[in-house]
């Protein structure tokens, strides 16, 4: 069944799609953690799947996304790198 086990380590996923065994990364570093499972949101008291399974990001993708977030928080438009 899709979205029940981690695509990397095959460990069980938590209710929010996170893997508590490998945290969706192969490096083991906290800054590389992702949520490889399905994403659920609460709607009128019931949990509904809104997307998933989500692929685990590579360390390079995480670094690029975090750099974009830092630039956004600093007030630099994303187009100016």
PDB file of N, CA and C in Angstrom:
ATOM      1  N   UNK A   1       0.842  -1.168   0.000  1.00  0.00           N
ATOM      2  CA  UNK A   1       0.000   0.000   0.000  1.00  0.00           C
ATOM      3  C   UNK A   1       0.892   1.238   0.000  1.00  0.00           C
ATOM      4  N   UNK A   2       0.650   2.169  -0.897  1.00  0.00           N
ATOM      5  CA  UNK A   2       1.454   3.375  -0.992  1.00  0.00           C
ATOM      6  C   UNK A   2       1.223   4.275   0.205  1.00  0.00           C
ATOM      7  N   UNK A   3       2.281   4.913   0.649  1.00  0.00           N
ATOM      8  CA  UNK A   3       2.166   5.886   1.708  1.00  0.00           C
ATOM      9  C   UNK A   3       2.152   5.307   3.110  1.00  0.00           C
ATOM     10  N   UNK A   4       2.340   3.982   3.270  1.00  0.00           N
ATOM     11  CA  UNK A   4       2.307   3.360   4.582  1.00  0.00           C
ATOM     12  C   UNK A   4       3.715   3.117   5.101  1.00  0.00           C
ATOM     13  N   UNK A   5       4.663   2.868   4.199  1.00  0.00           N
ATOM     14  CA  UNK A   5       6.048   2.643   4.592  1.00  0.00           C
ATOM     15  C   UNK A   5       6.955   3.645   3.888  1.00  0.00           C
ATOM     16  N   UNK A   6       8.087   3.917   4.498  1.00  0.00           N
ATOM     17  CA  UNK A   6       9.069   4.837   3.936  1.00  0.00           C
ATOM     18  C   UNK A   6       9.655   4.240   2.663  1.00  0.00           C
ATOM     19  N   UNK A   7       9.797   5.064   1.649  1.00  0.00           N
ATOM     20  CA  UNK A   7      10.357   4.600   0.378  1.00  0.00           C
ATOM     21  C   UNK A   7      11.852   4.344   0.463  1.00  0.00           C
ATOM     22  N   UNK A   8      12.516   4.878   1.489  1.00  0.00           N
ATOM     23  CA  UNK A   8      13.955   4.685   1.617  1.00  0.00           C
ATOM     24  C   UNK A   8      14.317   3.488   2.489  1.00  0.00           C
ATOM     25  N   UNK A   9      13.756   3.431   3.716  1.00  0.00           N
ATOM     26  CA  UNK A   9      14.169   2.376   4.649  1.00  0.00           C
ATOM     27  C   UNK A   9      13.083   1.321   4.875  1.00  0.00           C
ATOM     28  N   UNK A  10      11.908   1.531   4.302  1.00  0.00           N
ATOM     29  CA  UNK A  10      10.758   0.623   4.440  1.00  0.00           C
ATOM     30  C   UNK A  10      10.226   0.570   5.861  1.00  0.00           C
ATOM     31  N   UNK A  11      10.576   1.544   6.691  1.00  0.00           N
ATOM     32  CA  UNK A  11      10.046   1.621   8.043  1.00  0.00           C
ATOM     33  C   UNK A  11       8.645   2.200   8.034  1.00  0.00           C
ATOM     34  N   UNK A  12       7.883   2.019   9.119  1.00  0.00           N
ATOM     35  CA  UNK A  12       6.512   2.544   9.176  1.00  0.00           C
ATOM     36  C   UNK A  12       6.510   4.061   9.225  1.00  0.00           C
ATOM     37  N   UNK A  13       5.514   4.673   8.575  1.00  0.00           N
ATOM     38  CA  UNK A  13       5.380   6.123   8.580  1.00  0.00           C
ATOM     39  C   UNK A  13       4.432   6.557   9.684  1.00  0.00           C
ATOM     40  N   UNK A  14       4.697   7.727  10.228  1.00  0.00           N
ATOM     41  CA  UNK A  14       3.847   8.315  11.242  1.00  0.00           C
ATOM     42  C   UNK A  14       2.578   8.853  10.574  1.00  0.00           C
ATOM     43  N   UNK A  15       1.625   9.309  11.344  1.00  0.00           N
ATOM     44  CA  UNK A  15       0.354   9.786  10.797  1.00  0.00           C
ATOM     45  C   UNK A  15       0.540  10.972   9.855  1.00  0.00           C
ATOM     46  N   UNK A  16       1.610  11.773  10.034  1.00  0.00           N
ATOM     47  CA  UNK A  16       1.824  12.950   9.196  1.00  0.00           C
ATOM     48  C   UNK A  16       2.715  12.678   7.985  1.00  0.00           C
ATOM     49  N   UNK A  17       3.077  11.418   7.753  1.00  0.00           N
ATOM     50  CA  UNK A  17       3.897  11.075   6.605  1.00  0.00           C
ATOM     51  C   UNK A  17       5.378  11.057   6.888  1.00  0.00           C
ATOM     52  N   UNK A  18       5.777  11.328   8.111  1.00  0.00           N
ATOM     53  CA  UNK A  18       7.186  11.328   8.469  1.00  0.00           C
ATOM     54  C   UNK A  18       7.665   9.937   8.848  1.00  0.00           C
ATOM     55  N   UNK A  19       8.944   9.679   8.603  1.00  0.00           N
ATOM     56  CA  UNK A  19       9.560   8.410   8.976  1.00  0.00           C
ATOM     57  C   UNK A  19      10.423   8.647  10.203  1.00  0.00           C
ATOM     58  N   UNK A  20      10.116   7.960  11.303  1.00  0.00           N
ATOM     59  CA  UNK A  20      10.901   8.135  12.527  1.00  0.00           C
ATOM     60  C   UNK A  20      12.153   7.276  12.554  1.00  0.00           C
ATOM     61  N   UNK A  21      12.345   6.435  11.539  1.00  0.00           N
ATOM     62  CA  UNK A  21      13.546   5.596  11.492  1.00  0.00           C
ATOM     63  C   UNK A  21      14.674   6.316  10.753  1.00  0.00           C
ATOM     64  N   UNK A  22      14.448   6.716   9.490  1.00  0.00           N
ATOM     65  CA  UNK A  22      15.513   7.386   8.715  1.00  0.00           C
ATOM     66  C   UNK A  22      15.209   8.858   8.449  1.00  0.00           C
ATOM     67  N   UNK A  23      14.000   9.308   8.798  1.00  0.00           N
ATOM     68  CA  UNK A  23      13.567  10.698   8.601  1.00  0.00           C
ATOM     69  C   UNK A  23      13.605  11.119   7.130  1.00  0.00           C
ATOM     70  N   UNK A  24      13.452  10.152   6.232  1.00  0.00           N
ATOM     71  CA  UNK A  24      13.370  10.460   4.811  1.00  0.00           C
ATOM     72  C   UNK A  24      14.669  10.914   4.181  1.00  0.00           C
ATOM     73  N   UNK A  25      15.807  10.565   4.792  1.00  0.00           N
ATOM     74  CA  UNK A  25      17.084  10.957   4.196  1.00  0.00           C
ATOM     75  C   UNK A  25      18.093   9.827   4.349  1.00  0.00           C
ATOM     76  N   UNK A  26      19.092   9.845   3.510  1.00  0.00           N
ATOM     77  CA  UNK A  26      20.122   8.812   3.559  1.00  0.00           C
ATOM     78  C   UNK A  26      21.380   9.284   4.279  1.00  0.00           C
ATOM     79  N   UNK A  27      21.485  10.602   4.512  1.00  0.00           N
ATOM     80  CA  UNK A  27      22.700  11.126   5.146  1.00  0.00           C
ATOM     81  C   UNK A  27      22.668  10.996   6.662  1.00  0.00           C
ATOM     82  N   UNK A  28      21.474  10.953   7.260  1.00  0.00           N
ATOM     83  CA  UNK A  28      21.346  10.905   8.701  1.00  0.00           C
ATOM     84  C   UNK A  28      21.436  12.258   9.380  1.00  0.00           C
ATOM     85  N   UNK A  29      21.712  13.314   8.609  1.00  0.00           N
ATOM     86  CA  UNK A  29      21.836  14.655   9.185  1.00  0.00           C
ATOM     87  C   UNK A  29      20.460  15.302   9.313  1.00  0.00           C
ATOM     88  N   UNK A  30      20.207  15.941  10.437  1.00  0.00           N
ATOM     89  CA  UNK A  30      18.899  16.528  10.719  1.00  0.00           C
ATOM     90  C   UNK A  30      18.469  17.538   9.648  1.00  0.00           C
ATOM     91  N   UNK A  31      19.396  18.325   9.130  1.00  0.00           N
ATOM     92  CA  UNK A  31      19.023  19.336   8.130  1.00  0.00           C
ATOM     93  C   UNK A  31      18.585  18.726   6.797  1.00  0.00           C
ATOM     94  N   UNK A  32      18.787  17.431   6.614  1.00  0.00           N
ATOM     95  CA  UNK A  32      18.376  16.757   5.384  1.00  0.00           C
ATOM     96  C   UNK A  32      17.045  16.009   5.531  1.00  0.00           C
ATOM     97  N   UNK A  33      16.432  16.044   6.708  1.00  0.00           N
ATOM     98  CA  UNK A  33      15.194  15.291   6.933  1.00  0.00           C
ATOM     99  C   UNK A  33      14.070  15.765   6.022  1.00  0.00           C
ATOM    100  N   UNK A  34      13.258  14.823   5.567  1.00  0.00           N
ATOM    101  CA  UNK A  34      12.079  15.121   4.750  1.00  0.00           C
ATOM    102  C   UNK A  34      10.914  14.273   5.247  1.00  0.00           C
ATOM    103  N   UNK A  35       9.752  14.449   4.634  1.00  0.00           N
ATOM    104  CA  UNK A  35       8.565  13.665   4.948  1.00  0.00           C
ATOM    105  C   UNK A  35       8.177  12.894   3.691  1.00  0.00           C
ATOM    106  N   UNK A  36       8.629  11.645   3.567  1.00  0.00           N
ATOM    107  CA  UNK A  36       8.413  10.900   2.326  1.00  0.00           C
ATOM    108  C   UNK A  36       7.002  10.350   2.140  1.00  0.00           C
ATOM    109  N   UNK A  37       6.161  10.388   3.137  1.00  0.00           N
ATOM    110  CA  UNK A  37       4.843   9.760   3.042  1.00  0.00           C
ATOM    111  C   UNK A  37       3.749  10.696   2.568  1.00  0.00           C
ATOM    112  N   UNK A  38       2.519  10.231   2.683  1.00  0.00           N
ATOM    113  CA  UNK A  38       1.351  11.017   2.312  1.00  0.00           C
ATOM    114  C   UNK A  38       1.171  12.186   3.267  1.00  0.00           C
ATOM    115  N   UNK A  39       0.552  13.247   2.773  1.00  0.00           N
ATOM    116  CA  UNK A  39       0.230  14.394   3.617  1.00  0.00           C
ATOM    117  C   UNK A  39      -1.269  14.401   3.854  1.00  0.00           C
ATOM    118  N   UNK A  40      -1.657  14.550   5.115  1.00  0.00           N
ATOM    119  CA  UNK A  40      -3.068  14.592   5.485  1.00  0.00           C
ATOM    120  C   UNK A  40      -3.380  15.932   6.125  1.00  0.00           C
ATOM    121  N   UNK A  41      -4.591  16.421   5.893  1.00  0.00           N
ATOM    122  CA  UNK A  41      -5.058  17.633   6.531  1.00  0.00           C
ATOM    123  C   UNK A  41      -6.421  17.372   7.152  1.00  0.00           C
ATOM    124  N   UNK A  42      -6.682  18.063   8.260  1.00  0.00           N
ATOM    125  CA  UNK A  42      -7.937  17.908   8.974  1.00  0.00           C
ATOM    126  C   UNK A  42      -9.002  18.764   8.316  1.00  0.00           C
ATOM    127  N   UNK A  43     -10.143  18.159   7.982  1.00  0.00           N
ATOM    128  CA  UNK A  43     -11.249  18.868   7.351  1.00  0.00           C
ATOM    129  C   UNK A  43     -12.539  18.414   8.013  1.00  0.00           C
ATOM    130  N   UNK A  44     -13.173  19.325   8.732  1.00  0.00           N
ATOM    131  CA  UNK A  44     -14.441  19.040   9.411  1.00  0.00           C
ATOM    132  C   UNK A  44     -14.337  17.835  10.344  1.00  0.00           C
ATOM    133  N   UNK A  45     -13.218  17.759  11.068  1.00  0.00           N
ATOM    134  CA  UNK A  45     -13.044  16.703  12.051  1.00  0.00           C
ATOM    135  C   UNK A  45     -12.556  15.374  11.504  1.00  0.00           C
ATOM    136  N   UNK A  46     -12.247  15.292  10.204  1.00  0.00           N
ATOM    137  CA  UNK A  46     -11.771  14.053   9.597  1.00  0.00           C
ATOM    138  C   UNK A  46     -10.477  14.320   8.840  1.00  0.00           C
ATOM    139  N   UNK A  47      -9.558  13.358   8.886  1.00  0.00           N
ATOM    140  CA  UNK A  47      -8.296  13.484   8.166  1.00  0.00           C
ATOM    141  C   UNK A  47      -8.487  13.014   6.730  1.00  0.00           C
ATOM    142  N   UNK A  48      -8.051  13.837   5.769  1.00  0.00           N
ATOM    143  CA  UNK A  48      -8.134  13.510   4.342  1.00  0.00           C
ATOM    144  C   UNK A  48      -6.748  13.627   3.724  1.00  0.00           C
ATOM    145  N   UNK A  49      -6.410  12.657   2.878  1.00  0.00           N
ATOM    146  CA  UNK A  49      -5.127  12.716   2.180  1.00  0.00           C
ATOM    147  C   UNK A  49      -5.200  13.807   1.126  1.00  0.00           C
ATOM    148  N   UNK A  50      -4.235  14.720   1.140  1.00  0.00           N
ATOM    149  CA  UNK A  50      -4.213  15.817   0.175  1.00  0.00           C
ATOM    150  C   UNK A  50      -3.110  15.655  -0.867  1.00  0.00           C
ATOM    151  N   UNK A  51      -2.094  14.873  -0.565  1.00  0.00           N
ATOM    152  CA  UNK A  51      -1.077  14.564  -1.560  1.00  0.00           C
ATOM    153  C   UNK A  51      -0.237  13.411  -1.058  1.00  0.00           C
ATOM    154  N   UNK A  52       0.465  12.778  -1.966  1.00  0.00           N
ATOM    155  CA  UNK A  52       1.380  11.724  -1.549  1.00  0.00           C
ATOM    156  C   UNK A  52       1.285  10.502  -2.419  1.00  0.00           C
ATOM    157  N   UNK A  53       2.243   9.647  -2.300  1.00  0.00           N
ATOM    158  CA  UNK A  53       3.405   9.840  -1.446  1.00  0.00           C
ATOM    159  C   UNK A  53       4.338  10.902  -2.010  1.00  0.00           C
ATOM    160  N   UNK A  54       4.978  11.629  -1.106  1.00  0.00           N
ATOM    161  CA  UNK A  54       5.927  12.661  -1.509  1.00  0.00           C
ATOM    162  C   UNK A  54       7.309  12.048  -1.592  1.00  0.00           C
ATOM    163  N   UNK A  55       8.064  12.416  -2.602  1.00  0.00           N
ATOM    164  CA  UNK A  55       9.411  11.869  -2.735  1.00  0.00           C
ATOM    165  C   UNK A  55      10.340  12.521  -1.721  1.00  0.00           C
ATOM    166  N   UNK A  56      11.301  11.763  -1.274  1.00  0.00           N
ATOM    167  CA  UNK A  56      12.310  12.315  -0.377  1.00  0.00           C
ATOM    168  C   UNK A  56      13.258  13.175  -1.200  1.00  0.00           C
ATOM    169  N   UNK A  57      13.584  14.340  -0.690  1.00  0.00           N
ATOM    170  CA  UNK A  57      14.474  15.252  -1.397  1.00  0.00           C
ATOM    171  C   UNK A  57      15.922  14.854  -1.194  1.00  0.00           C
ATOM    172  N   UNK A  58      16.746  15.179  -2.183  1.00  0.00           N
ATOM    173  CA  UNK A  58      18.178  14.955  -2.043  1.00  0.00           C
ATOM    174  C   UNK A  58      18.757  16.055  -1.150  1.00  0.00           C
ATOM    175  N   UNK A  59      19.920  15.833  -0.559  1.00  0.00           N
ATOM    176  CA  UNK A  59      20.545  16.896   0.243  1.00  0.00           C
ATOM    177  C   UNK A  59      20.740  18.192  -0.552  1.00  0.00           C
ATOM    178  N   UNK A  60      21.067  18.100  -1.825  1.00  0.00           N
ATOM    179  CA  UNK A  60      21.251  19.300  -2.647  1.00  0.00           C
ATOM    180  C   UNK A  60      19.933  20.056  -2.817  1.00  0.00           C
ATOM    181  N   UNK A  61      18.829  19.328  -3.004  1.00  0.00           N
ATOM    182  CA  UNK A  61      17.519  19.973  -3.137  1.00  0.00           C
ATOM    183  C   UNK A  61      17.119  20.668  -1.836  1.00  0.00           C
ATOM    184  N   UNK A  62      17.390  20.029  -0.711  1.00  0.00           N
ATOM    185  CA  UNK A  62      17.069  20.632   0.589  1.00  0.00           C
ATOM    186  C   UNK A  62      17.878  21.903   0.793  1.00  0.00           C
ATOM    187  N   UNK A  63      19.170  21.863   0.455  1.00  0.00           N
ATOM    188  CA  UNK A  63      20.016  23.050   0.610  1.00  0.00           C
ATOM    189  C   UNK A  63      19.515  24.205  -0.249  1.00  0.00           C
ATOM    190  N   UNK A  64      19.091  23.915  -1.490  1.00  0.00           N
ATOM    191  CA  UNK A  64      18.591  24.953  -2.382  1.00  0.00           C
ATOM    192  C   UNK A  64      17.287  25.544  -1.841  1.00  0.00           C
ATOM    193  N   UNK A  65      16.388  24.692  -1.373  1.00  0.00           N
ATOM    194  CA  UNK A  65      15.122  25.176  -0.825  1.00  0.00           C
ATOM    195  C   UNK A  65      15.351  26.016   0.432  1.00  0.00           C
ATOM    196  N   UNK A  66      16.265  25.574   1.293  1.00  0.00           N
ATOM    197  CA  UNK A  66      16.549  26.341   2.506  1.00  0.00           C
ATOM    198  C   UNK A  66      17.207  27.680   2.169  1.00  0.00           C
ATOM    199  N   UNK A  67      18.046  27.717   1.141  1.00  0.00           N
ATOM    200  CA  UNK A  67      18.644  28.980   0.711  1.00  0.00           C
ATOM    201  C   UNK A  67      17.555  29.929   0.206  1.00  0.00           C
ATOM    202  N   UNK A  68      16.573  29.387  -0.522  1.00  0.00           N
ATOM    203  CA  UNK A  68      15.449  30.206  -0.995  1.00  0.00           C
ATOM    204  C   UNK A  68      14.646  30.757   0.176  1.00  0.00           C
ATOM    205  N   UNK A  69      14.417  29.932   1.188  1.00  0.00           N
ATOM    206  CA  UNK A  69      13.669  30.383   2.372  1.00  0.00           C
ATOM    207  C   UNK A  69      14.443  31.487   3.086  1.00  0.00           C
ATOM    208  N   UNK A  70      15.749  31.296   3.258  1.00  0.00           N
ATOM    209  CA  UNK A  70      16.559  32.321   3.932  1.00  0.00           C
ATOM    210  C   UNK A  70      16.533  33.639   3.163  1.00  0.00           C
ATOM    211  N   UNK A  71      16.629  33.571   1.825  1.00  0.00           N
ATOM    212  CA  UNK A  71      16.569  34.782   1.005  1.00  0.00           C
ATOM    213  C   UNK A  71      15.210  35.459   1.154  1.00  0.00           C
ATOM    214  N   UNK A  72      14.155  34.678   1.158  1.00  0.00           N
ATOM    215  CA  UNK A  72      12.805  35.225   1.289  1.00  0.00           C
ATOM    216  C   UNK A  72      12.655  35.920   2.650  1.00  0.00           C
ATOM    217  N   UNK A  73      13.146  35.283   3.698  1.00  0.00           N
ATOM    218  CA  UNK A  73      13.051  35.875   5.026  1.00  0.00           C
ATOM    219  C   UNK A  73      13.904  37.136   5.149  1.00  0.00           C
ATOM    220  N   UNK A  74      14.990  37.202   4.395  1.00  0.00           N
ATOM    221  CA  UNK A  74      15.871  38.372   4.421  1.00  0.00           C
ATOM    222  C   UNK A  74      15.320  39.508   3.569  1.00  0.00           C
ATOM    223  N   UNK A  75      14.275  39.222   2.807  1.00  0.00           N
ATOM    224  CA  UNK A  75      13.669  40.260   1.984  1.00  0.00           C
ATOM    225  C   UNK A  75      14.192  40.338   0.570  1.00  0.00           C
ATOM    226  N   UNK A  76      15.050  39.412   0.166  1.00  0.00           N
ATOM    227  CA  UNK A  76      15.576  39.394  -1.192  1.00  0.00           C
ATOM    228  C   UNK A  76      14.624  38.609  -2.077  1.00  0.00           C
ATOM    229  N   UNK A  77      14.160  39.198  -3.180  1.00  0.00           N
ATOM    230  CA  UNK A  77      13.278  38.452  -4.081  1.00  0.00           C
ATOM    231  C   UNK A  77      13.955  37.173  -4.587  1.00  0.00           C
ATOM    232  N   UNK A  78      13.161  36.126  -4.796  1.00  0.00           N
ATOM    233  CA  UNK A  78      13.710  34.836  -5.213  1.00  0.00           C
ATOM    234  C   UNK A  78      14.406  34.906  -6.568  1.00  0.00           C
ATOM    235  N   UNK A  79      14.029  35.820  -7.442  1.00  0.00           N
ATOM    236  CA  UNK A  79      14.663  35.921  -8.748  1.00  0.00           C
ATOM    237  C   UNK A  79      16.087  36.432  -8.682  1.00  0.00           C
ATOM    238  N   UNK A  80      16.438  37.168  -7.607  1.00  0.00           N
ATOM    239  CA  UNK A  80      17.789  37.707  -7.453  1.00  0.00           C
ATOM    240  C   UNK A  80      18.626  36.761  -6.625  1.00  0.00           C
ATOM    241  N   UNK A  81      19.542  36.084  -7.241  1.00  0.00           N
ATOM    242  CA  UNK A  81      20.358  35.096  -6.510  1.00  0.00           C
ATOM    243  C   UNK A  81      21.803  35.480  -6.498  1.00  0.00           C
TER     244      UNK A  81
END
